[in-house]
Protein backbone atom coordinates (compact mmCIF):
# COMPACT_ATOMS: atom_id res chain seq x y z
CA UNK A 1 -0.74 -34.31 26.10
CA UNK A 2 -3.76 -32.35 26.08
CA UNK A 3 -1.85 -29.30 27.28
CA UNK A 4 0.58 -29.67 24.38
CA UNK A 5 -2.42 -29.75 21.78
CA UNK A 6 -3.74 -26.47 23.23
CA UNK A 7 -0.38 -24.73 22.90
CA UNK A 8 -0.22 -25.90 19.32
CA UNK A 9 -3.60 -24.90 18.41
CA UNK A 10 -3.07 -21.42 20.01
CA UNK A 11 0.30 -21.11 18.06
CA UNK A 12 -1.46 -22.01 14.82
CA UNK A 13 -4.18 -19.51 15.47
CA UNK A 14 -1.62 -16.68 16.12
CA UNK A 15 0.22 -17.53 12.67
CA UNK A 16 -2.92 -17.62 10.73
CA UNK A 17 -4.36 -14.35 12.25
CA UNK A 18 -0.97 -12.63 11.78
CA UNK A 19 -0.68 -13.54 7.99
CA UNK A 20 -4.26 -12.33 7.68
CA UNK A 21 -3.35 -8.97 9.17
CA UNK A 22 -0.36 -8.63 6.83
CA UNK A 23 -2.24 -9.25 3.65
CA UNK A 24 -4.92 -6.74 4.76
CA UNK A 25 -2.61 -4.02 5.42
CA UNK A 26 -1.24 -4.02 1.88
CA UNK A 27 -3.51 -3.37 -1.06
CA UNK A 28 -2.77 -2.47 -4.78
CA UNK A 29 -4.56 0.71 -6.07
CA UNK A 30 -4.44 3.21 -9.11
CA UNK A 31 -4.92 6.65 -9.62
CA UNK A 32 -3.95 9.77 -11.56
CA UNK A 33 -1.08 12.18 -10.82
CA UNK A 34 -2.67 15.64 -10.35
CA UNK A 35 0.47 17.65 -8.97
CA UNK A 36 4.00 17.10 -9.25
CA UNK A 37 6.30 19.18 -7.02
CA UNK A 38 9.87 19.03 -5.87
CA UNK A 39 9.36 16.67 -2.87
CA UNK A 40 5.56 15.65 -3.11
CA UNK A 41 3.42 14.16 -5.76
CA UNK A 42 -0.31 14.50 -5.30
CA UNK A 43 -2.48 11.45 -6.53
CA UNK A 44 -6.28 11.37 -7.12
CA UNK A 45 -7.25 7.86 -6.46
CA UNK A 46 -10.01 5.81 -8.45
CA UNK A 47 -12.15 6.05 -5.43
CA UNK A 48 -11.80 9.85 -5.38
CA UNK A 49 -9.54 10.49 -2.40
CA UNK A 50 -6.45 12.63 -2.96
CA UNK A 51 -3.23 11.59 -1.56
CA UNK A 52 0.13 13.54 -1.04
CA UNK A 53 3.06 11.18 -1.60
CA UNK A 54 6.60 11.84 -0.59
CA UNK A 55 8.89 11.66 -3.49
CA UNK A 56 10.98 9.00 -1.46
CA UNK A 57 7.94 6.72 -1.85
CA UNK A 58 7.79 7.24 -5.65
CA UNK A 59 9.72 4.63 -7.72
CA UNK A 60 9.54 6.49 -11.10
CA UNK A 61 10.72 9.97 -10.65
CA UNK A 62 9.85 11.37 -13.97
CA UNK A 63 6.07 11.54 -13.36
CA UNK A 64 3.95 14.25 -14.93
CA UNK A 65 0.45 15.51 -14.35
CA UNK A 66 -1.98 13.25 -15.94
CA UNK A 67 0.02 9.88 -15.67
CA UNK A 68 -1.75 7.02 -14.57
CA UNK A 69 -0.05 5.50 -11.51
CA UNK A 70 -0.11 2.16 -9.62
CA UNK A 71 1.00 2.01 -5.96
CA UNK A 72 0.34 -0.14 -2.83
CA UNK A 73 -1.59 1.15 0.13
CA UNK A 74 0.14 0.49 3.56
CA UNK A 75 -1.37 1.69 6.59
CA UNK A 76 -3.60 3.96 4.73
CA UNK A 77 -0.90 5.67 2.47
CA UNK A 78 0.51 5.12 -1.00
CA UNK A 79 4.01 3.62 -1.36
CA UNK A 80 6.08 2.30 -4.35
CA UNK A 81 4.30 4.56 -6.63
CA UNK A 82 4.95 3.80 -10.52
CA UNK A 83 3.75 4.72 -13.83
CA UNK A 84 0.97 2.31 -14.89
CA UNK A 85 1.84 0.35 -18.00
């Protein structure tokens, strides 16, 4: 019985730890479009960092310089970029 409880506790710990990692890897952020090119959009984030985003990661293709955008940060890079409403 004691061995089963240990296995259940370990499994629960793995599930809780994994869900924490997933939520920590994705964050919402915003910034301003500073350059729009054919295949890349450059965004100046609110924290001052500048990101180059491939057009395939941009949801709204008609972005212009100066547009405010929102995006998700996954593994340190913006994805799902869309104009901020």
